[in-house]
Amino acid sequence: MQRIIKTINKKRLVRYKDGAEMYSMGMNKFQALAKDAGAILKIDRLVLVDLDVFDKYLESFRVM
């Protein structure tokens, strides 16, 4: 049997739907967190989230 290995391509910029799926959360929550993080880029009607900025923001919620 042949094994299929899924490669993960690390994207820097994603749309809301893709980001919410990547982080296993609802789209509304992802949108709110991205906005709070200042990670949103708007080009006309296209909205992208910068995952580098978003990841740094999420790290601020780490519980020690």
PDB file of N, CA and C in Angstrom:
ATOM      1  N   MET A   1       0.845  -1.181   0.000  1.00  0.00           N
ATOM      2  CA  MET A   1       0.000   0.000   0.000  1.00  0.00           C
ATOM      3  C   MET A   1       0.887   1.239   0.000  1.00  0.00           C
ATOM      4  N   GLN A   2       0.528   2.164  -0.846  1.00  0.00           N
ATOM      5  CA  GLN A   2       1.318   3.386  -0.976  1.00  0.00           C
ATOM      6  C   GLN A   2       0.831   4.434   0.022  1.00  0.00           C
ATOM      7  N   ARG A   3       1.768   5.033   0.698  1.00  0.00           N
ATOM      8  CA  ARG A   3       1.450   6.063   1.682  1.00  0.00           C
ATOM      9  C   ARG A   3       1.443   7.435   1.041  1.00  0.00           C
ATOM     10  N   ILE A   4       0.453   8.223   1.349  1.00  0.00           N
ATOM     11  CA  ILE A   4       0.381   9.582   0.831  1.00  0.00           C
ATOM     12  C   ILE A   4       0.756  10.540   1.950  1.00  0.00           C
ATOM     13  N   ILE A   5       1.762  11.317   1.697  1.00  0.00           N
ATOM     14  CA  ILE A   5       2.230  12.285   2.686  1.00  0.00           C
ATOM     15  C   ILE A   5       1.782  13.660   2.236  1.00  0.00           C
ATOM     16  N   LYS A   6       1.048  14.328   3.099  1.00  0.00           N
ATOM     17  CA  LYS A   6       0.572  15.669   2.792  1.00  0.00           C
ATOM     18  C   LYS A   6       1.607  16.679   3.262  1.00  0.00           C
ATOM     19  N   THR A   7       2.074  17.487   2.354  1.00  0.00           N
ATOM     20  CA  THR A   7       3.039  18.518   2.725  1.00  0.00           C
ATOM     21  C   THR A   7       2.289  19.788   3.089  1.00  0.00           C
ATOM     22  N   ILE A   8       2.810  20.450   4.064  1.00  0.00           N
ATOM     23  CA  ILE A   8       2.204  21.692   4.520  1.00  0.00           C
ATOM     24  C   ILE A   8       3.042  22.846   3.994  1.00  0.00           C
ATOM     25  N   ASN A   9       2.428  23.641   3.156  1.00  0.00           N
ATOM     26  CA  ASN A   9       3.104  24.820   2.640  1.00  0.00           C
ATOM     27  C   ASN A   9       2.774  25.984   3.559  1.00  0.00           C
ATOM     28  N   LYS A  10       3.776  26.509   4.207  1.00  0.00           N
ATOM     29  CA  LYS A  10       3.578  27.618   5.119  1.00  0.00           C
ATOM     30  C   LYS A  10       3.370  28.890   4.313  1.00  0.00           C
ATOM     31  N   LYS A  11       2.148  29.386   4.354  1.00  0.00           N
ATOM     32  CA  LYS A  11       1.833  30.635   3.672  1.00  0.00           C
ATOM     33  C   LYS A  11       1.960  31.776   4.661  1.00  0.00           C
ATOM     34  N   ARG A  12       2.343  32.924   4.169  1.00  0.00           N
ATOM     35  CA  ARG A  12       2.435  34.101   5.038  1.00  0.00           C
ATOM     36  C   ARG A  12       1.121  34.852   5.069  1.00  0.00           C
ATOM     37  N   LEU A  13       0.429  34.917   3.937  1.00  0.00           N
ATOM     38  CA  LEU A  13      -0.824  35.642   3.836  1.00  0.00           C
ATOM     39  C   LEU A  13      -1.945  34.687   3.449  1.00  0.00           C
ATOM     40  N   VAL A  14      -3.047  34.727   4.191  1.00  0.00           N
ATOM     41  CA  VAL A  14      -4.182  33.851   3.905  1.00  0.00           C
ATOM     42  C   VAL A  14      -5.477  34.642   3.993  1.00  0.00           C
ATOM     43  N   ARG A  15      -6.517  34.094   3.397  1.00  0.00           N
ATOM     44  CA  ARG A  15      -7.853  34.666   3.529  1.00  0.00           C
ATOM     45  C   ARG A  15      -8.458  34.176   4.833  1.00  0.00           C
ATOM     46  N   TYR A  16      -9.548  34.830   5.248  1.00  0.00           N
ATOM     47  CA  TYR A  16     -10.191  34.468   6.516  1.00  0.00           C
ATOM     48  C   TYR A  16     -10.552  32.990   6.582  1.00  0.00           C
ATOM     49  N   LYS A  17     -11.172  32.483   5.541  1.00  0.00           N
ATOM     50  CA  LYS A  17     -11.639  31.091   5.540  1.00  0.00           C
ATOM     51  C   LYS A  17     -10.478  30.129   5.741  1.00  0.00           C
ATOM     52  N   ASP A  18      -9.390  30.330   5.011  1.00  0.00           N
ATOM     53  CA  ASP A  18      -8.233  29.444   5.118  1.00  0.00           C
ATOM     54  C   ASP A  18      -7.576  29.550   6.493  1.00  0.00           C
ATOM     55  N   GLY A  19      -7.462  30.759   7.004  1.00  0.00           N
ATOM     56  CA  GLY A  19      -6.850  30.958   8.313  1.00  0.00           C
ATOM     57  C   GLY A  19      -7.660  30.332   9.435  1.00  0.00           C
ATOM     58  N   ALA A  20      -8.974  30.491   9.367  1.00  0.00           N
ATOM     59  CA  ALA A  20      -9.833  29.895  10.393  1.00  0.00           C
ATOM     60  C   ALA A  20      -9.698  28.379  10.384  1.00  0.00           C
ATOM     61  N   GLU A  21      -9.594  27.807   9.205  1.00  0.00           N
ATOM     62  CA  GLU A  21      -9.427  26.358   9.093  1.00  0.00           C
ATOM     63  C   GLU A  21      -8.061  25.925   9.620  1.00  0.00           C
ATOM     64  N   MET A  22      -7.023  26.691   9.308  1.00  0.00           N
ATOM     65  CA  MET A  22      -5.666  26.364   9.764  1.00  0.00           C
ATOM     66  C   MET A  22      -5.556  26.385  11.288  1.00  0.00           C
ATOM     67  N   TYR A  23      -6.251  27.325  11.916  1.00  0.00           N
ATOM     68  CA  TYR A  23      -6.156  27.491  13.367  1.00  0.00           C
ATOM     69  C   TYR A  23      -7.302  26.813  14.118  1.00  0.00           C
ATOM     70  N   SER A  24      -8.123  26.071  13.417  1.00  0.00           N
ATOM     71  CA  SER A  24      -9.223  25.307  14.022  1.00  0.00           C
ATOM     72  C   SER A  24     -10.125  26.183  14.884  1.00  0.00           C
ATOM     73  N   MET A  25     -10.591  27.270  14.301  1.00  0.00           N
ATOM     74  CA  MET A  25     -11.519  28.144  15.013  1.00  0.00           C
ATOM     75  C   MET A  25     -12.544  28.669  14.018  1.00  0.00           C
ATOM     76  N   GLY A  26     -13.596  29.235  14.544  1.00  0.00           N
ATOM     77  CA  GLY A  26     -14.627  29.792  13.689  1.00  0.00           C
ATOM     78  C   GLY A  26     -14.132  31.031  12.960  1.00  0.00           C
ATOM     79  N   MET A  27     -14.774  31.336  11.844  1.00  0.00           N
ATOM     80  CA  MET A  27     -14.324  32.458  11.037  1.00  0.00           C
ATOM     81  C   MET A  27     -14.512  33.792  11.763  1.00  0.00           C
ATOM     82  N   ASN A  28     -15.608  33.956  12.496  1.00  0.00           N
ATOM     83  CA  ASN A  28     -15.824  35.218  13.218  1.00  0.00           C
ATOM     84  C   ASN A  28     -14.753  35.444  14.278  1.00  0.00           C
ATOM     85  N   LYS A  29     -14.382  34.391  14.994  1.00  0.00           N
ATOM     86  CA  LYS A  29     -13.337  34.509  16.017  1.00  0.00           C
ATOM     87  C   LYS A  29     -11.992  34.827  15.379  1.00  0.00           C
ATOM     88  N   PHE A  30     -11.698  34.158  14.263  1.00  0.00           N
ATOM     89  CA  PHE A  30     -10.441  34.408  13.548  1.00  0.00           C
ATOM     90  C   PHE A  30     -10.382  35.859  13.054  1.00  0.00           C
ATOM     91  N   GLN A  31     -11.494  36.355  12.519  1.00  0.00           N
ATOM     92  CA  GLN A  31     -11.544  37.742  12.041  1.00  0.00           C
ATOM     93  C   GLN A  31     -11.305  38.723  13.184  1.00  0.00           C
ATOM     94  N   ALA A  32     -11.945  38.481  14.318  1.00  0.00           N
ATOM     95  CA  ALA A  32     -11.796  39.382  15.466  1.00  0.00           C
ATOM     96  C   ALA A  32     -10.361  39.385  15.983  1.00  0.00           C
ATOM     97  N   LEU A  33      -9.756  38.212  16.106  1.00  0.00           N
ATOM     98  CA  LEU A  33      -8.376  38.127  16.587  1.00  0.00           C
ATOM     99  C   LEU A  33      -7.403  38.769  15.598  1.00  0.00           C
ATOM    100  N   ALA A  34      -7.632  38.556  14.307  1.00  0.00           N
ATOM    101  CA  ALA A  34      -6.764  39.149  13.292  1.00  0.00           C
ATOM    102  C   ALA A  34      -6.841  40.672  13.338  1.00  0.00           C
ATOM    103  N   LYS A  35      -8.035  41.190  13.556  1.00  0.00           N
ATOM    104  CA  LYS A  35      -8.205  42.636  13.651  1.00  0.00           C
ATOM    105  C   LYS A  35      -7.504  43.180  14.898  1.00  0.00           C
ATOM    106  N   ASP A  36      -7.680  42.505  16.035  1.00  0.00           N
ATOM    107  CA  ASP A  36      -7.017  42.921  17.272  1.00  0.00           C
ATOM    108  C   ASP A  36      -5.499  42.867  17.147  1.00  0.00           C
ATOM    109  N   ALA A  37      -5.008  41.888  16.362  1.00  0.00           N
ATOM    110  CA  ALA A  37      -3.566  41.726  16.187  1.00  0.00           C
ATOM    111  C   ALA A  37      -2.978  42.759  15.244  1.00  0.00           C
ATOM    112  N   GLY A  38      -3.833  43.420  14.465  1.00  0.00           N
ATOM    113  CA  GLY A  38      -3.338  44.356  13.463  1.00  0.00           C
ATOM    114  C   GLY A  38      -2.707  43.618  12.290  1.00  0.00           C
ATOM    115  N   ALA A  39      -3.238  42.433  11.991  1.00  0.00           N
ATOM    116  CA  ALA A  39      -2.652  41.578  10.961  1.00  0.00           C
ATOM    117  C   ALA A  39      -3.420  41.609   9.646  1.00  0.00           C
ATOM    118  N   ILE A  40      -4.371  42.529   9.498  1.00  0.00           N
ATOM    119  CA  ILE A  40      -5.225  42.554   8.312  1.00  0.00           C
ATOM    120  C   ILE A  40      -4.650  43.476   7.246  1.00  0.00           C
ATOM    121  N   LEU A  41      -4.618  42.969   6.024  1.00  0.00           N
ATOM    122  CA  LEU A  41      -4.210  43.751   4.854  1.00  0.00           C
ATOM    123  C   LEU A  41      -5.395  43.799   3.907  1.00  0.00           C
ATOM    124  N   LYS A  42      -5.770  45.010   3.456  1.00  0.00           N
ATOM    125  CA  LYS A  42      -6.889  45.153   2.525  1.00  0.00           C
ATOM    126  C   LYS A  42      -6.381  45.726   1.218  1.00  0.00           C
ATOM    127  N   ILE A  43      -6.706  45.034   0.137  1.00  0.00           N
ATOM    128  CA  ILE A  43      -6.381  45.488  -1.206  1.00  0.00           C
ATOM    129  C   ILE A  43      -7.688  45.474  -1.979  1.00  0.00           C
ATOM    130  N   ASP A  44      -8.272  46.636  -2.183  1.00  0.00           N
ATOM    131  CA  ASP A  44      -9.607  46.758  -2.765  1.00  0.00           C
ATOM    132  C   ASP A  44     -10.572  45.917  -1.931  1.00  0.00           C
ATOM    133  N   ARG A  45     -11.151  44.873  -2.521  1.00  0.00           N
ATOM    134  CA  ARG A  45     -12.092  44.018  -1.782  1.00  0.00           C
ATOM    135  C   ARG A  45     -11.439  42.760  -1.219  1.00  0.00           C
ATOM    136  N   LEU A  46     -10.161  42.566  -1.515  1.00  0.00           N
ATOM    137  CA  LEU A  46      -9.425  41.395  -1.041  1.00  0.00           C
ATOM    138  C   LEU A  46      -8.886  41.663   0.366  1.00  0.00           C
ATOM    139  N   VAL A  47      -9.193  40.767   1.292  1.00  0.00           N
ATOM    140  CA  VAL A  47      -8.708  40.894   2.665  1.00  0.00           C
ATOM    141  C   VAL A  47      -7.804  39.704   2.961  1.00  0.00           C
ATOM    142  N   LEU A  48      -6.581  40.007   3.397  1.00  0.00           N
ATOM    143  CA  LEU A  48      -5.617  38.964   3.741  1.00  0.00           C
ATOM    144  C   LEU A  48      -5.151  39.166   5.176  1.00  0.00           C
ATOM    145  N   VAL A  49      -4.760  38.062   5.804  1.00  0.00           N
ATOM    146  CA  VAL A  49      -4.252  38.110   7.176  1.00  0.00           C
ATOM    147  C   VAL A  49      -2.786  37.694   7.149  1.00  0.00           C
ATOM    148  N   ASP A  50      -1.932  38.514   7.742  1.00  0.00           N
ATOM    149  CA  ASP A  50      -0.505  38.224   7.843  1.00  0.00           C
ATOM    150  C   ASP A  50      -0.298  37.267   9.021  1.00  0.00           C
ATOM    151  N   LEU A  51       0.051  36.026   8.709  1.00  0.00           N
ATOM    152  CA  LEU A  51       0.163  35.002   9.755  1.00  0.00           C
ATOM    153  C   LEU A  51       1.360  35.213  10.671  1.00  0.00           C
ATOM    154  N   ASP A  52       2.401  35.884  10.208  1.00  0.00           N
ATOM    155  CA  ASP A  52       3.544  36.164  11.081  1.00  0.00           C
ATOM    156  C   ASP A  52       3.115  37.075  12.228  1.00  0.00           C
ATOM    157  N   VAL A  53       2.369  38.111  11.897  1.00  0.00           N
ATOM    158  CA  VAL A  53       1.862  39.037  12.919  1.00  0.00           C
ATOM    159  C   VAL A  53       0.835  38.334  13.801  1.00  0.00           C
ATOM    160  N   PHE A  54      -0.045  37.546  13.188  1.00  0.00           N
ATOM    161  CA  PHE A  54      -1.090  36.833  13.923  1.00  0.00           C
ATOM    162  C   PHE A  54      -0.484  35.850  14.926  1.00  0.00           C
ATOM    163  N   ASP A  55       0.543  35.110  14.517  1.00  0.00           N
ATOM    164  CA  ASP A  55       1.192  34.143  15.418  1.00  0.00           C
ATOM    165  C   ASP A  55       1.818  34.834  16.623  1.00  0.00           C
ATOM    166  N   LYS A  56       2.468  35.971  16.397  1.00  0.00           N
ATOM    167  CA  LYS A  56       3.070  36.707  17.515  1.00  0.00           C
ATOM    168  C   LYS A  56       1.994  37.170  18.499  1.00  0.00           C
ATOM    169  N   TYR A  57       0.868  37.601  17.966  1.00  0.00           N
ATOM    170  CA  TYR A  57      -0.245  38.036  18.818  1.00  0.00           C
ATOM    171  C   TYR A  57      -0.796  36.872  19.636  1.00  0.00           C
ATOM    172  N   LEU A  58      -0.949  35.708  18.999  1.00  0.00           N
ATOM    173  CA  LEU A  58      -1.470  34.537  19.722  1.00  0.00           C
ATOM    174  C   LEU A  58      -0.545  34.117  20.858  1.00  0.00           C
ATOM    175  N   GLU A  59       0.751  34.295  20.676  1.00  0.00           N
ATOM    176  CA  GLU A  59       1.710  33.922  21.726  1.00  0.00           C
ATOM    177  C   GLU A  59       1.501  34.755  22.992  1.00  0.00           C
ATOM    178  N   SER A  60       0.895  35.915  22.871  1.00  0.00           N
ATOM    179  CA  SER A  60       0.662  36.747  24.061  1.00  0.00           C
ATOM    180  C   SER A  60      -0.390  36.139  24.977  1.00  0.00           C
ATOM    181  N   PHE A  61      -1.131  35.147  24.498  1.00  0.00           N
ATOM    182  CA  PHE A  61      -2.146  34.489  25.307  1.00  0.00           C
ATOM    183  C   PHE A  61      -1.635  33.236  26.009  1.00  0.00           C
ATOM    184  N   ARG A  62      -0.364  32.928  25.843  1.00  0.00           N
ATOM    185  CA  ARG A  62       0.199  31.721  26.439  1.00  0.00           C
ATOM    186  C   ARG A  62       0.116  31.770  27.962  1.00  0.00           C
ATOM    187  N   VAL A  63      -0.314  30.682  28.546  1.00  0.00           N
ATOM    188  CA  VAL A  63      -0.413  30.567  29.997  1.00  0.00           C
ATOM    189  C   VAL A  63       0.786  29.788  30.502  1.00  0.00           C
ATOM    190  N   MET A  64       1.473  30.355  31.467  1.00  0.00           N
ATOM    191  CA  MET A  64       2.668  29.704  32.014  1.00  0.00           C
ATOM    192  C   MET A  64       2.319  28.786  33.139  1.00  0.00           C
TER     193      MET A  64
END
